[in-house]
Amino acid sequence: MSRRTSLKITDERERQLEKASEIVASGPDDDPPMSVVIDAALAHLIQPEQNIREARGEMDPATIQQFNTDVIGL
C-alpha cells in the first residue's frame, strides 16, 4: 500500500462514505468523523476475513464460498 498525503474524494467514494457514516452513526443526529467511519470499515473488512480463515477447518469449502464478497474472495 502506498501512502498518500491526501485522499481524493470522488462522487462514488463520497456516496460510500455517506452510507457508511449512516451505518456507524449512533443516531439520526450523529455525524461521526471520517476517521471513525474509515476505522469501522477497515475493522469490518479485517474481521470477516479472519473469521473465514478460522472457519476453514470447521466448515466445508462450499459453505465458506457463500461468504465471499467482491472484496473478500477466499
N, C-alpha and C. Protein backbone atom coordinates (compact mmCIF):
# COMPACT_ATOMS: atom_id res chain seq x y z
N MET A 1 0.85 -1.17 0.00
CA MET A 1 0.00 0.00 0.00
C MET A 1 0.90 1.24 0.00
N SER A 2 0.61 2.12 -0.91
CA SER A 2 1.37 3.36 -0.93
C SER A 2 0.70 4.39 -0.02
N ARG A 3 1.49 5.23 0.56
CA ARG A 3 0.96 6.27 1.45
C ARG A 3 0.84 7.57 0.67
N ARG A 4 -0.27 8.22 0.85
CA ARG A 4 -0.50 9.50 0.18
C ARG A 4 -0.82 10.55 1.22
N THR A 5 -0.57 11.78 0.85
CA THR A 5 -0.84 12.85 1.80
C THR A 5 -2.27 13.34 1.73
N SER A 6 -2.98 12.99 0.65
CA SER A 6 -4.38 13.40 0.55
C SER A 6 -5.20 12.26 -0.04
N LEU A 7 -6.48 12.30 0.21
CA LEU A 7 -7.40 11.29 -0.28
C LEU A 7 -8.37 11.96 -1.23
N LYS A 8 -8.37 11.52 -2.48
CA LYS A 8 -9.28 12.11 -3.46
C LYS A 8 -10.68 11.55 -3.21
N ILE A 9 -11.63 12.43 -2.99
CA ILE A 9 -13.00 12.04 -2.71
C ILE A 9 -13.81 12.18 -4.00
N THR A 10 -13.94 11.08 -4.72
CA THR A 10 -14.76 11.08 -5.92
C THR A 10 -16.24 11.06 -5.51
N ASP A 11 -17.12 11.29 -6.46
CA ASP A 11 -18.55 11.26 -6.16
C ASP A 11 -18.96 9.90 -5.60
N GLU A 12 -18.46 8.82 -6.21
CA GLU A 12 -18.80 7.48 -5.75
C GLU A 12 -18.26 7.24 -4.34
N ARG A 13 -17.04 7.66 -4.09
CA ARG A 13 -16.45 7.49 -2.75
C ARG A 13 -17.22 8.31 -1.72
N GLU A 14 -17.67 9.49 -2.10
CA GLU A 14 -18.46 10.32 -1.20
C GLU A 14 -19.77 9.62 -0.84
N ARG A 15 -20.43 9.01 -1.83
CA ARG A 15 -21.68 8.27 -1.56
C ARG A 15 -21.41 7.10 -0.62
N GLN A 16 -20.32 6.39 -0.85
CA GLN A 16 -19.98 5.26 0.02
C GLN A 16 -19.68 5.73 1.44
N LEU A 17 -18.97 6.83 1.57
CA LEU A 17 -18.67 7.36 2.90
C LEU A 17 -19.94 7.82 3.61
N GLU A 18 -20.85 8.43 2.88
CA GLU A 18 -22.11 8.87 3.48
C GLU A 18 -22.93 7.67 3.97
N LYS A 19 -23.01 6.63 3.14
CA LYS A 19 -23.75 5.43 3.53
C LYS A 19 -23.09 4.77 4.75
N ALA A 20 -21.76 4.66 4.72
CA ALA A 20 -21.04 4.07 5.86
C ALA A 20 -21.22 4.92 7.11
N SER A 21 -21.25 6.23 6.95
CA SER A 21 -21.44 7.13 8.08
C SER A 21 -22.80 6.91 8.73
N GLU A 22 -23.83 6.69 7.91
CA GLU A 22 -25.17 6.41 8.44
C GLU A 22 -25.18 5.11 9.24
N ILE A 23 -24.42 4.13 8.78
CA ILE A 23 -24.36 2.83 9.47
C ILE A 23 -23.63 2.97 10.80
N VAL A 24 -22.56 3.75 10.82
CA VAL A 24 -21.73 3.91 12.02
C VAL A 24 -22.38 4.84 13.04
N ALA A 25 -23.17 5.79 12.58
CA ALA A 25 -23.77 6.80 13.46
C ALA A 25 -24.60 6.15 14.56
N SER A 26 -24.54 6.76 15.73
CA SER A 26 -25.29 6.22 16.88
C SER A 26 -26.74 6.66 16.89
N GLY A 27 -27.10 7.56 16.00
CA GLY A 27 -28.47 8.04 15.91
C GLY A 27 -28.62 8.98 14.73
N PRO A 28 -29.84 9.42 14.44
CA PRO A 28 -30.07 10.26 13.27
C PRO A 28 -29.37 11.62 13.33
N ASP A 29 -29.05 12.10 14.52
CA ASP A 29 -28.38 13.39 14.65
C ASP A 29 -26.87 13.27 14.80
N ASP A 30 -26.35 12.05 14.80
CA ASP A 30 -24.91 11.83 14.96
C ASP A 30 -24.22 11.97 13.61
N ASP A 31 -23.11 12.67 13.57
CA ASP A 31 -22.30 12.83 12.36
C ASP A 31 -20.87 12.45 12.70
N PRO A 32 -20.55 11.15 12.64
CA PRO A 32 -19.22 10.71 13.06
C PRO A 32 -18.12 11.25 12.14
N PRO A 33 -16.94 11.50 12.69
CA PRO A 33 -15.82 11.96 11.86
C PRO A 33 -15.44 10.88 10.84
N MET A 34 -14.87 11.32 9.73
CA MET A 34 -14.47 10.40 8.67
C MET A 34 -13.51 9.34 9.20
N SER A 35 -12.63 9.70 10.13
CA SER A 35 -11.67 8.73 10.66
C SER A 35 -12.38 7.58 11.35
N VAL A 36 -13.49 7.86 12.05
CA VAL A 36 -14.26 6.81 12.72
C VAL A 36 -14.93 5.91 11.69
N VAL A 37 -15.46 6.51 10.63
CA VAL A 37 -16.10 5.74 9.56
C VAL A 37 -15.09 4.84 8.87
N ILE A 38 -13.92 5.37 8.56
CA ILE A 38 -12.87 4.58 7.90
C ILE A 38 -12.39 3.47 8.82
N ASP A 39 -12.18 3.76 10.11
CA ASP A 39 -11.77 2.73 11.06
C ASP A 39 -12.79 1.60 11.13
N ALA A 40 -14.08 1.95 11.14
CA ALA A 40 -15.13 0.94 11.20
C ALA A 40 -15.13 0.09 9.93
N ALA A 41 -14.94 0.73 8.78
CA ALA A 41 -14.91 -0.01 7.52
C ALA A 41 -13.72 -0.96 7.47
N LEU A 42 -12.58 -0.52 7.94
CA LEU A 42 -11.40 -1.38 7.97
C LEU A 42 -11.61 -2.57 8.91
N ALA A 43 -12.17 -2.31 10.08
CA ALA A 43 -12.44 -3.39 11.03
C ALA A 43 -13.41 -4.39 10.42
N HIS A 44 -14.42 -3.88 9.70
CA HIS A 44 -15.41 -4.76 9.08
C HIS A 44 -14.80 -5.60 7.96
N LEU A 45 -13.77 -5.12 7.32
CA LEU A 45 -13.07 -5.89 6.30
C LEU A 45 -12.17 -6.94 6.92
N ILE A 46 -11.47 -6.59 7.97
CA ILE A 46 -10.50 -7.49 8.58
C ILE A 46 -11.17 -8.61 9.37
N GLN A 47 -12.19 -8.31 10.14
CA GLN A 47 -12.84 -9.32 10.98
C GLN A 47 -13.44 -10.47 10.17
N PRO A 48 -14.20 -10.22 9.10
CA PRO A 48 -14.76 -11.35 8.35
C PRO A 48 -13.68 -12.22 7.70
N GLU A 49 -12.62 -11.58 7.24
CA GLU A 49 -11.53 -12.36 6.63
C GLU A 49 -10.92 -13.30 7.66
N GLN A 50 -10.71 -12.82 8.87
CA GLN A 50 -10.17 -13.67 9.94
C GLN A 50 -11.16 -14.78 10.28
N ASN A 51 -12.45 -14.45 10.36
CA ASN A 51 -13.46 -15.45 10.68
C ASN A 51 -13.53 -16.54 9.62
N ILE A 52 -13.45 -16.16 8.37
CA ILE A 52 -13.50 -17.14 7.28
C ILE A 52 -12.28 -18.05 7.34
N ARG A 53 -11.10 -17.48 7.56
CA ARG A 53 -9.89 -18.31 7.66
C ARG A 53 -9.99 -19.29 8.83
N GLU A 54 -10.52 -18.84 9.95
CA GLU A 54 -10.66 -19.72 11.11
C GLU A 54 -11.69 -20.82 10.86
N ALA A 55 -12.72 -20.51 10.09
CA ALA A 55 -13.78 -21.49 9.82
C ALA A 55 -13.36 -22.55 8.82
N ARG A 56 -12.29 -22.33 8.11
CA ARG A 56 -11.87 -23.29 7.08
C ARG A 56 -11.68 -24.70 7.63
N GLY A 57 -11.22 -24.83 8.85
CA GLY A 57 -11.02 -26.15 9.42
C GLY A 57 -12.30 -26.79 9.92
N GLU A 58 -13.35 -26.00 10.07
CA GLU A 58 -14.60 -26.49 10.65
C GLU A 58 -15.73 -26.64 9.64
N MET A 59 -15.64 -25.94 8.51
CA MET A 59 -16.73 -25.96 7.53
C MET A 59 -16.21 -26.42 6.18
N ASP A 60 -17.13 -26.97 5.38
CA ASP A 60 -16.71 -27.42 4.06
C ASP A 60 -16.53 -26.20 3.14
N PRO A 61 -15.69 -26.32 2.10
CA PRO A 61 -15.39 -25.18 1.21
C PRO A 61 -16.63 -24.57 0.55
N ALA A 62 -17.63 -25.38 0.22
CA ALA A 62 -18.83 -24.85 -0.43
C ALA A 62 -19.58 -23.90 0.49
N THR A 63 -19.62 -24.20 1.76
CA THR A 63 -20.28 -23.32 2.72
C THR A 63 -19.50 -22.02 2.87
N ILE A 64 -18.20 -22.12 2.99
CA ILE A 64 -17.36 -20.93 3.13
C ILE A 64 -17.47 -20.05 1.89
N GLN A 65 -17.57 -20.65 0.73
CA GLN A 65 -17.68 -19.89 -0.53
C GLN A 65 -18.88 -18.95 -0.52
N GLN A 66 -19.93 -19.31 0.20
CA GLN A 66 -21.13 -18.48 0.28
C GLN A 66 -20.85 -17.12 0.94
N PHE A 67 -19.78 -17.02 1.71
CA PHE A 67 -19.48 -15.80 2.43
C PHE A 67 -18.50 -14.89 1.68
N ASN A 68 -18.04 -15.33 0.51
CA ASN A 68 -17.16 -14.49 -0.29
C ASN A 68 -17.92 -13.26 -0.76
N THR A 69 -17.21 -12.17 -0.93
CA THR A 69 -17.79 -10.92 -1.44
C THR A 69 -16.89 -10.41 -2.56
N ASP A 70 -17.22 -9.27 -3.12
CA ASP A 70 -16.36 -8.66 -4.14
C ASP A 70 -15.00 -8.31 -3.56
N VAL A 71 -14.95 -8.07 -2.25
CA VAL A 71 -13.72 -7.67 -1.61
C VAL A 71 -12.98 -8.85 -1.00
N ILE A 72 -13.74 -9.75 -0.36
CA ILE A 72 -13.13 -10.93 0.26
C ILE A 72 -13.46 -12.13 -0.60
N GLY A 73 -12.47 -12.61 -1.32
CA GLY A 73 -12.68 -13.78 -2.16
C GLY A 73 -11.69 -14.87 -1.78
N LEU A 74 -12.05 -15.68 -0.82
CA LEU A 74 -11.15 -16.75 -0.34
C LEU A 74 -11.60 -18.08 -0.88
